[in-house]
Structures are given as C-alpha cells and as structure tokens.
C-alpha cells in the first residue's frame, strides 16, 4: 500500500513526547513490512525550527519524510507549501492517516482527501477527551469542533484510537464517527545489547522515576504533594518543560518541604532514557488524562514496575498483567501505593518481570503494524 501520514511535528522534534515516537514507530514498522510510507510534516520544534531540508524527501528508517515551513499561525502549524503538496500528492495514495485534531494540517489534508475520494483515518492522539477540553482553551476548542472537527471526524473512513478507554471518550463527545480501529501503540527498546539483556536482580533502585513532558495534565502537582507522604526516597523528574510549568512545580516542592528529595533533570532520550528506566526502583505516572501512556510501556519493557492512575489508557493492562499498581491520583492514595511497593523488593521484581513479558509479546511494533495494515486494507476494500 502507498500510505501518507500527515502530522504537525515529527523527528527530530522529540520535545513533543510520546506521539512523535508512536507515529514514527508505526511508520517505520509499516515500511519494514514493505509498504510505501510517506510523512508530510512541518519543521516546527518548540519556539524554533528543526534543522531539516524543506520540501525535499528525507529517508528516516525507510520512511520518506517531507518537511514544510510554518512561519505564521505556528500554533496551528499553518503551512501554505504543505497545502500545495497535499493537493498535488494525495490523489496518488491509497490511504491518508492524520495524526492530530484541532490543528490545521489535519483539516487541510482531510478536506483534500475527501475531495479526491481518498479514504482517510484520524488518530486524535488523546486530545478528544471531554474533561481535557474543559480544562484548557475550552471555548476555542468547542468552536473548532463545531465548525471543523465534527465534519472531519464524521467524514473519516475510520477513527483510530489506542484503547477502549479512548474510544469511550470520543463517543462521549457525540461526533458521529463511522467506525473505529482500536489498535494500541507499540514500543521499541534500546539498541545497546547490554541494556536489552541486563537484569534488575542486583538493582536496589535508589530513586523513583517520572519520565514525560512537564505539563499540567501529567499530574505532577499531585505527585509532588504525594511525595510529602513517601518516606526518604528521591524522585527524579525527567522531561521537557512546557509553558514554564516546572517553575510552579519547584515552588510547590519548596513550599511543602520536599524540594531536597526531588530532582528535575530535563529531557532525556536514547540510551540515557533506557538506563534510567533500568535503574529506577519504580516508574510513576499520575496523569489526569492519558489516552495510552507510551512511557509506561517503555518502563515495562525495561522490567521496571509502575504505579499509574486510572485515567491512563494502558492502566487496565497494567493491572491485568500484574505489571504494577493502579492507584487513585489523590496524593494520600498514590503515596500509599508507592510506599508499599518500595518496601517489597520481591513484589517489585515479580511485577517487573510480568511487565517485561507483556510489553515484549503484545506491544512489539511488528505486530502492531500488522494490525494496522489489516485495518487499512479493510478500509480500502470497502471503498473499492
């Protein structure tokens, strides 16, 4: 199949977290299976731009990527050169996969695909959550949904979600989607053999790790409040600071007297990330909303037991596989779950082994890509 993926940002803009890794993981796995996979994206990377060639195809892990400039209305990723390319190129693809909502590239590509009779799939990537919409830019998002997104989603051949929980959230908005593909994200581990094969048996784990964007929806405020109730152990927070939120968290930690036990280390990637996951006693993710939780899956792959909140899409799998504990986000409840596991090394090792087995067997990108191909093929066959 010839597949076009349209996404606002892409590698090397890793500051945007899990969605970037998930989209590229899927694209690379599809290309490995022999499909002709293309990506149209912008060069936006935070307040600056990625150092990439514009308009010219670049090959990344077998995926043909084209970057386009976004000089105005950057928050919407508006790009007239991308629109020209979409109008010219979309008729030559079997299917278009759109990886965002509330942003210009999805709107533009959906309209062009619809006009050309090319089927398209939309992945909301966790943004179609009623409570999340109510927390930030509520009026603007409601207007966008009514004026633009409702038509985009209702006209999509399918909406792709990563969990049943995310599908339920989409249905809560009553947008009249035709059909859904429920296919999880995958995970790819470290390239260094020593990290892939090393055991946690000799690791006593002197710290607890959070790994993700420093963003309000990750629940770091309640994690820091919980740390007041967790005895002695250090908390390492690794991630890119969004909207200067870290300063507020540091002040909170100082106000409640836990600043000395909390360390912010900035964004980590590659082998450094995998090493931290290998060394941590626990991985924690107390999000208010999370359609999937790719960082949880990465921790499980490294044999690190996890403590997560029920609002995370993969929480049900964590509980069912005994890969960790699902605890309410209330600071007292979350702290109790963390403390209990820190005091039980054997249970942590057992959970780590269970999580590693699940991540390796059920979430390898090769298997996820095959599921997606089956979904794509059913869509294309229906349109034939």
Protein backbone atom coordinates (compact mmCIF):
# COMPACT_ATOMS: atom_id res chain seq x y z
CA UNK A 1 0.00 0.00 0.00
CA UNK A 2 1.01 3.61 -0.55
CA UNK A 3 0.27 5.43 2.70
CA UNK A 4 0.56 9.14 3.51
CA UNK A 5 0.82 10.19 7.16
CA UNK A 6 0.17 13.84 7.99
CA UNK A 7 1.41 15.00 11.39
CA UNK A 8 2.13 18.54 12.71
CA UNK A 9 5.61 17.67 14.03
CA UNK A 10 7.98 14.76 13.59
CA UNK A 11 11.50 13.66 14.33
CA UNK A 12 13.85 15.20 15.34
CA UNK A 13 11.36 17.28 17.40
CA UNK A 14 11.36 14.81 20.30
CA UNK A 15 10.28 17.52 22.76
CA UNK A 16 6.67 16.68 21.84
CA UNK A 17 6.93 13.33 23.60
CA UNK A 18 5.07 10.08 23.07
CA UNK A 19 3.05 10.96 19.94
CA UNK A 20 6.23 11.65 17.96
CA UNK A 21 7.74 8.28 18.93
CA UNK A 22 4.46 6.45 18.35
CA UNK A 23 3.85 7.88 14.88
CA UNK A 24 7.41 7.17 13.77
CA UNK A 25 7.36 3.70 15.31
CA UNK A 26 4.24 2.86 13.32
CA UNK A 27 5.58 4.37 10.09
CA UNK A 28 8.93 2.59 10.35
CA UNK A 29 7.24 -0.75 11.10
CA UNK A 30 4.90 -0.33 8.12
CA UNK A 31 7.87 0.45 5.87
CA UNK A 32 9.69 -2.63 7.17
CA UNK A 33 6.69 -4.73 6.10
CA UNK A 34 7.19 -3.46 2.55
CA UNK A 35 4.67 -0.63 2.34
CA UNK A 36 5.46 2.70 0.68
CA UNK A 37 5.19 5.05 3.67
CA UNK A 38 5.38 8.84 3.44
CA UNK A 39 5.12 11.60 6.05
CA UNK A 40 4.20 15.25 5.48
CA UNK A 41 5.01 17.44 8.47
CA UNK A 42 6.34 20.86 9.48
CA UNK A 43 9.77 21.84 10.74
CA UNK A 44 8.35 23.36 13.93
CA UNK A 45 10.36 22.47 17.03
CA UNK A 46 9.16 24.48 20.02
CA UNK A 47 9.88 28.18 19.52
CA UNK A 48 12.44 27.31 16.82
CA UNK A 49 12.75 25.05 13.81
CA UNK A 50 14.32 21.64 13.29
CA UNK A 51 17.48 21.67 11.17
CA UNK A 52 15.97 19.75 8.25
CA UNK A 53 15.74 20.34 4.49
CA UNK A 54 12.44 21.87 3.41
CA UNK A 55 10.29 20.34 0.69
CA UNK A 56 12.83 17.67 -0.22
CA UNK A 57 12.27 13.99 0.68
CA UNK A 58 14.38 12.63 3.55
CA UNK A 59 14.57 8.93 4.40
CA UNK A 60 14.32 8.01 8.10
CA UNK A 61 14.25 4.29 8.87
CA UNK A 62 12.72 3.55 5.48
CA UNK A 63 10.08 6.29 5.78
CA UNK A 64 10.05 9.12 3.22
CA UNK A 65 9.61 12.38 5.14
CA UNK A 66 8.99 15.85 3.74
CA UNK A 67 9.19 18.92 5.96
CA UNK A 68 7.37 22.18 5.23
CA UNK A 69 7.80 25.61 6.85
CA UNK A 70 5.22 27.12 9.19
CA UNK A 71 6.06 30.79 9.52
CA UNK A 72 2.70 32.24 10.58
CA UNK A 73 -0.03 30.86 12.85
CA UNK A 74 2.57 28.40 14.14
CA UNK A 75 0.34 27.19 16.95
CA UNK A 76 -1.96 25.78 14.28
CA UNK A 77 1.01 24.61 12.11
CA UNK A 78 -0.35 26.52 9.10
CA UNK A 79 1.79 25.88 6.02
CA UNK A 80 0.76 27.00 2.52
CA UNK A 81 3.63 24.99 0.93
CA UNK A 82 2.27 21.85 2.62
CA UNK A 83 -1.21 22.56 1.26
CA UNK A 84 0.18 22.79 -2.27
CA UNK A 85 1.97 19.46 -1.83
CA UNK A 86 -1.12 17.81 -0.32
CA UNK A 87 -3.28 18.93 -3.24
CA UNK A 88 -0.75 17.60 -5.70
CA UNK A 89 0.19 14.33 -3.97
CA UNK A 90 -2.88 12.96 -2.14
CA UNK A 91 -4.56 11.54 -5.30
CA UNK A 92 -1.59 9.18 -5.69
CA UNK A 93 -2.01 7.49 -2.29
CA UNK A 94 -4.18 4.53 -1.31
CA UNK A 95 -4.90 5.99 2.13
CA UNK A 96 -4.14 9.05 4.27
CA UNK A 97 -3.57 8.77 8.04
CA UNK A 98 -3.95 12.02 10.01
CA UNK A 99 -2.32 12.17 13.44
CA UNK A 100 -3.87 15.15 15.25
CA UNK A 101 -7.02 17.14 15.92
CA UNK A 102 -7.56 20.89 16.47
CA UNK A 103 -4.69 21.67 14.07
CA UNK A 104 -4.52 22.97 10.50
CA UNK A 105 -2.66 20.05 8.79
CA UNK A 106 -5.44 17.59 9.68
CA UNK A 107 -8.16 19.97 8.48
CA UNK A 108 -6.38 20.67 5.18
CA UNK A 109 -5.46 17.06 4.42
CA UNK A 110 -8.94 15.77 5.33
CA UNK A 111 -10.67 18.22 3.01
CA UNK A 112 -8.33 17.41 0.11
CA UNK A 113 -8.60 13.65 0.67
CA UNK A 114 -12.40 13.89 0.79
CA UNK A 115 -12.46 15.93 -2.42
CA UNK A 116 -10.17 13.42 -4.18
CA UNK A 117 -12.07 10.36 -2.93
CA UNK A 118 -9.08 9.02 -1.00
CA UNK A 119 -10.02 7.32 2.32
CA UNK A 120 -8.55 8.84 5.46
CA UNK A 121 -8.11 7.78 9.08
CA UNK A 122 -7.84 10.19 12.02
CA UNK A 123 -5.86 9.45 15.19
CA UNK A 124 -6.87 12.02 17.88
CA UNK A 125 -3.80 11.09 19.98
CA UNK A 126 -5.65 11.61 23.23
CA UNK A 127 -6.99 15.10 22.52
CA UNK A 128 -10.70 14.22 22.22
CA UNK A 129 -11.34 13.94 25.95
CA UNK A 130 -14.29 15.91 27.29
CA UNK A 131 -12.70 16.71 30.66
CA UNK A 132 -9.42 17.68 29.00
CA UNK A 133 -11.20 20.05 26.63
CA UNK A 134 -12.93 21.61 29.64
CA UNK A 135 -9.57 22.30 31.32
CA UNK A 136 -7.84 24.33 28.60
CA UNK A 137 -8.89 26.59 25.68
CA UNK A 138 -12.46 25.37 26.18
CA UNK A 139 -14.29 27.93 24.06
CA UNK A 140 -11.80 27.81 21.17
CA UNK A 141 -11.91 24.01 21.07
CA UNK A 142 -15.70 23.88 21.21
CA UNK A 143 -15.92 26.32 18.31
CA UNK A 144 -13.30 24.34 16.36
CA UNK A 145 -15.17 21.08 16.97
CA UNK A 146 -18.47 22.50 15.76
CA UNK A 147 -17.03 24.41 12.79
CA UNK A 148 -14.33 22.00 11.62
CA UNK A 149 -13.57 18.84 13.58
CA UNK A 150 -17.07 17.39 13.61
CA UNK A 151 -17.12 17.26 9.81
CA UNK A 152 -13.54 15.95 9.67
CA UNK A 153 -14.31 13.07 12.03
CA UNK A 154 -17.75 12.23 10.63
CA UNK A 155 -16.30 12.09 7.11
CA UNK A 156 -13.30 9.97 8.12
CA UNK A 157 -13.44 6.38 6.95
CA UNK A 158 -12.35 5.44 10.47
CA UNK A 159 -11.05 6.96 13.69
CA UNK A 160 -8.03 5.22 15.20
CA UNK A 161 -7.80 5.04 18.99
CA UNK A 162 -5.23 3.23 21.11
CA UNK A 163 -7.51 1.87 23.85
CA UNK A 164 -11.18 1.20 24.58
CA UNK A 165 -10.97 3.98 27.15
CA UNK A 166 -10.02 6.47 24.43
CA UNK A 167 -12.88 5.20 22.23
CA UNK A 168 -15.34 5.76 25.09
CA UNK A 169 -14.05 9.34 25.45
CA UNK A 170 -14.54 10.01 21.73
CA UNK A 171 -18.09 8.64 21.87
CA UNK A 172 -18.84 10.93 24.85
CA UNK A 173 -18.43 13.91 22.51
CA UNK A 174 -21.14 12.60 20.16
CA UNK A 175 -19.28 13.39 16.94
CA UNK A 176 -20.92 10.69 14.82
CA UNK A 177 -17.85 8.73 13.78
CA UNK A 178 -18.45 5.99 11.19
CA UNK A 179 -16.19 3.28 12.56
CA UNK A 180 -13.18 2.86 14.83
CA UNK A 181 -9.89 0.99 14.77
CA UNK A 182 -8.81 0.11 18.32
CA UNK A 183 -5.09 -0.61 17.93
CA UNK A 184 -2.53 0.16 20.66
CA UNK A 185 0.78 1.90 20.31
CA UNK A 186 3.87 -0.26 20.15
CA UNK A 187 7.25 0.00 21.80
CA UNK A 188 10.83 -0.41 20.63
CA UNK A 189 13.56 -0.92 23.20
CA UNK A 190 17.21 0.13 23.45
CA UNK A 191 19.70 -0.68 20.72
CA UNK A 192 22.52 -1.46 23.16
CA UNK A 193 22.62 -5.19 23.89
CA UNK A 194 23.87 -4.69 27.46
CA UNK A 195 20.76 -2.64 28.26
CA UNK A 196 18.43 -5.07 26.50
CA UNK A 197 19.78 -8.09 28.34
CA UNK A 198 20.78 -6.73 31.76
CA UNK A 199 18.90 -7.97 34.82
CA UNK A 200 17.29 -5.95 37.59
CA UNK A 201 18.19 -8.55 40.22
CA UNK A 202 21.16 -6.55 41.52
CA UNK A 203 19.41 -3.19 41.34
CA UNK A 204 18.09 -1.92 44.66
CA UNK A 205 16.67 1.20 42.97
CA UNK A 206 17.60 4.31 44.91
CA UNK A 207 15.07 6.57 43.19
CA UNK A 208 11.57 6.69 41.69
CA UNK A 209 11.29 7.99 38.13
CA UNK A 210 8.79 10.13 36.24
CA UNK A 211 9.52 10.40 32.52
CA UNK A 212 7.40 12.61 30.30
CA UNK A 213 6.54 16.16 29.35
CA UNK A 214 6.46 18.66 32.22
CA UNK A 215 2.83 19.53 31.59
CA UNK A 216 -0.16 20.07 33.87
CA UNK A 217 -2.07 17.07 32.53
CA UNK A 218 0.67 14.69 33.72
CA UNK A 219 -0.45 15.22 37.33
CA UNK A 220 2.94 16.32 38.64
CA UNK A 221 1.31 18.66 41.13
CA UNK A 222 -0.38 15.76 42.92
CA UNK A 223 2.79 13.65 42.60
CA UNK A 224 4.80 16.31 44.44
CA UNK A 225 2.11 16.55 47.13
CA UNK A 226 2.20 12.76 47.43
CA UNK A 227 5.97 12.92 47.99
CA UNK A 228 5.37 14.63 51.32
CA UNK A 229 3.93 11.25 52.41
CA UNK A 230 6.59 9.00 50.82
CA UNK A 231 9.49 8.43 53.22
CA UNK A 232 13.08 9.31 52.25
CA UNK A 233 13.34 8.07 48.65
CA UNK A 234 14.28 10.52 45.89
CA UNK A 235 12.03 11.41 42.95
CA UNK A 236 13.69 12.06 39.58
CA UNK A 237 11.56 14.01 37.09
CA UNK A 238 12.84 13.79 33.51
CA UNK A 239 11.17 15.67 30.69
CA UNK A 240 10.84 18.79 28.60
CA UNK A 241 9.38 21.80 30.42
CA UNK A 242 6.26 23.06 28.65
CA UNK A 243 4.87 26.55 29.20
CA UNK A 244 7.32 27.18 32.08
CA UNK A 245 5.35 24.79 34.27
CA UNK A 246 8.45 23.44 36.01
CA UNK A 247 8.93 26.66 37.97
CA UNK A 248 5.48 26.29 39.53
CA UNK A 249 6.27 22.71 40.50
CA UNK A 250 9.60 23.68 42.04
CA UNK A 251 7.88 26.34 44.14
CA UNK A 252 5.27 23.80 45.24
CA UNK A 253 8.00 21.34 46.26
CA UNK A 254 9.77 24.06 48.23
CA UNK A 255 6.55 25.21 49.93
CA UNK A 256 5.69 21.73 51.23
CA UNK A 257 9.27 20.85 52.20
CA UNK A 258 10.20 18.13 49.69
CA UNK A 259 12.45 20.10 47.31
CA UNK A 260 15.61 18.37 48.56
CA UNK A 261 14.22 14.95 47.54
CA UNK A 262 13.02 15.97 44.06
CA UNK A 263 15.38 16.45 41.13
CA UNK A 264 14.43 17.85 37.72
CA UNK A 265 16.95 16.66 35.11
CA UNK A 266 15.44 17.91 31.84
CA UNK A 267 14.62 15.88 28.75
CA UNK A 268 16.41 12.56 28.27
CA UNK A 269 16.43 10.39 25.16
CA UNK A 270 18.15 7.33 23.75
CA UNK A 271 20.41 5.20 25.91
CA UNK A 272 20.25 7.64 28.83
CA UNK A 273 16.49 7.19 29.00
CA UNK A 274 16.70 3.39 28.93
CA UNK A 275 19.42 3.42 31.59
CA UNK A 276 17.24 5.48 33.93
CA UNK A 277 14.33 3.10 33.43
CA UNK A 278 16.63 0.17 34.17
CA UNK A 279 17.97 1.77 37.36
CA UNK A 280 14.75 3.14 38.86
CA UNK A 281 13.00 1.31 41.69
CA UNK A 282 9.62 2.37 40.29
CA UNK A 283 8.16 4.35 37.42
CA UNK A 284 5.24 6.68 38.23
CA UNK A 285 2.69 8.41 36.00
CA UNK A 286 -0.16 10.16 37.87
CA UNK A 287 -1.79 11.79 34.81
CA UNK A 288 -5.17 13.48 34.85
CA UNK A 289 -5.69 12.25 31.29
CA UNK A 290 -3.64 9.96 29.04
CA UNK A 291 -5.05 8.16 26.00
CA UNK A 292 -2.36 5.46 26.17
CA UNK A 293 0.84 6.03 28.15
CA UNK A 294 3.83 5.13 25.97
CA UNK A 295 6.29 5.90 28.78
CA UNK A 296 4.55 3.28 30.94
CA UNK A 297 5.10 0.72 28.19
CA UNK A 298 8.77 1.69 27.93
CA UNK A 299 9.19 1.21 31.68
CA UNK A 300 7.53 -2.20 31.49
CA UNK A 301 9.84 -3.22 28.64
CA UNK A 302 12.82 -2.49 30.89
CA UNK A 303 11.35 -4.54 33.73
CA UNK A 304 10.52 -1.50 35.85
CA UNK A 305 7.32 -1.86 37.92
CA UNK A 306 4.88 1.03 37.53
CA UNK A 307 2.37 2.98 39.60
CA UNK A 308 -0.21 4.80 37.48
CA UNK A 309 -3.60 6.46 37.81
CA UNK A 310 -6.85 5.01 36.37
CA UNK A 311 -7.07 7.88 33.86
CA UNK A 312 -4.23 6.34 31.82
CA UNK A 313 -5.34 4.29 28.83
CA UNK A 314 -2.99 1.39 29.48
CA UNK A 315 -3.92 1.18 33.19
CA UNK A 316 -6.20 -1.81 32.65
CA UNK A 317 -3.35 -3.79 31.07
CA UNK A 318 -1.03 -2.83 33.93
CA UNK A 319 -3.49 -4.22 36.46
CA UNK A 320 -4.46 -7.34 34.50
CA UNK A 321 -0.84 -8.34 33.85
CA UNK A 322 0.41 -7.55 37.38
CA UNK A 323 2.97 -5.15 35.91
CA UNK A 324 2.33 -2.60 38.63
CA UNK A 325 -0.34 -0.85 40.67
CA UNK A 326 -3.21 1.35 39.54
CA UNK A 327 -3.83 3.89 42.30
CA UNK A 328 -6.16 6.86 42.64
CA UNK A 329 -4.49 10.20 41.97
CA UNK A 330 -5.32 11.56 45.41
CA UNK A 331 -1.88 12.25 46.97
CA UNK A 332 -2.54 10.04 50.01
CA UNK A 333 -3.68 7.06 47.91
CA UNK A 334 -0.87 7.43 45.39
CA UNK A 335 1.75 7.81 48.12
CA UNK A 336 0.46 4.69 49.88
CA UNK A 337 0.79 2.61 46.69
CA UNK A 338 4.32 3.87 46.05
CA UNK A 339 5.42 3.30 49.65
CA UNK A 340 4.01 -0.23 49.76
CA UNK A 341 5.93 -1.26 46.65
CA UNK A 342 9.15 0.40 47.78
CA UNK A 343 9.05 -1.78 50.89
CA UNK A 344 8.55 -5.03 48.95
CA UNK A 345 11.52 -5.77 46.68
CA UNK A 346 10.33 -9.26 45.72
CA UNK A 347 6.98 -7.93 44.59
CA UNK A 348 8.71 -5.25 42.52
CA UNK A 349 10.85 -7.87 40.78
CA UNK A 350 7.80 -10.02 40.09
CA UNK A 351 5.88 -7.07 38.64
CA UNK A 352 8.88 -6.01 36.58
CA UNK A 353 9.15 -9.46 35.02
CA UNK A 354 5.42 -9.56 34.27
CA UNK A 355 5.52 -6.16 32.62
CA UNK A 356 8.52 -7.03 30.51
CA UNK A 357 6.84 -10.19 29.22
CA UNK A 358 3.68 -8.28 28.30
CA UNK A 359 5.49 -5.41 26.56
CA UNK A 360 7.71 -7.77 24.57
CA UNK A 361 4.95 -10.14 23.49
CA UNK A 362 1.93 -7.90 22.93
CA UNK A 363 3.32 -4.48 22.01
CA UNK A 364 6.16 -5.13 19.55
CA UNK A 365 5.85 -2.75 16.61
CA UNK A 366 5.91 -5.59 14.08
CA UNK A 367 2.65 -6.99 15.46
CA UNK A 368 1.04 -3.57 15.89
CA UNK A 369 1.87 -2.67 12.27
CA UNK A 370 0.23 -5.86 11.02
CA UNK A 371 -2.92 -4.98 12.94
CA UNK A 372 -2.90 -1.53 11.37
CA UNK A 373 -2.40 -2.97 7.87
CA UNK A 374 -5.43 -5.22 8.38
CA UNK A 375 -7.44 -2.14 9.36
CA UNK A 376 -6.17 -0.16 6.39
CA UNK A 377 -6.94 -2.99 3.96
CA UNK A 378 -10.50 -3.34 5.22
CA UNK A 379 -10.98 0.39 4.66
CA UNK A 380 -9.54 0.38 1.15
CA UNK A 381 -11.54 -2.72 0.17
CA UNK A 382 -14.79 -1.11 1.31
CA UNK A 383 -14.06 1.93 -0.85
CA UNK A 384 -13.13 -0.15 -3.93
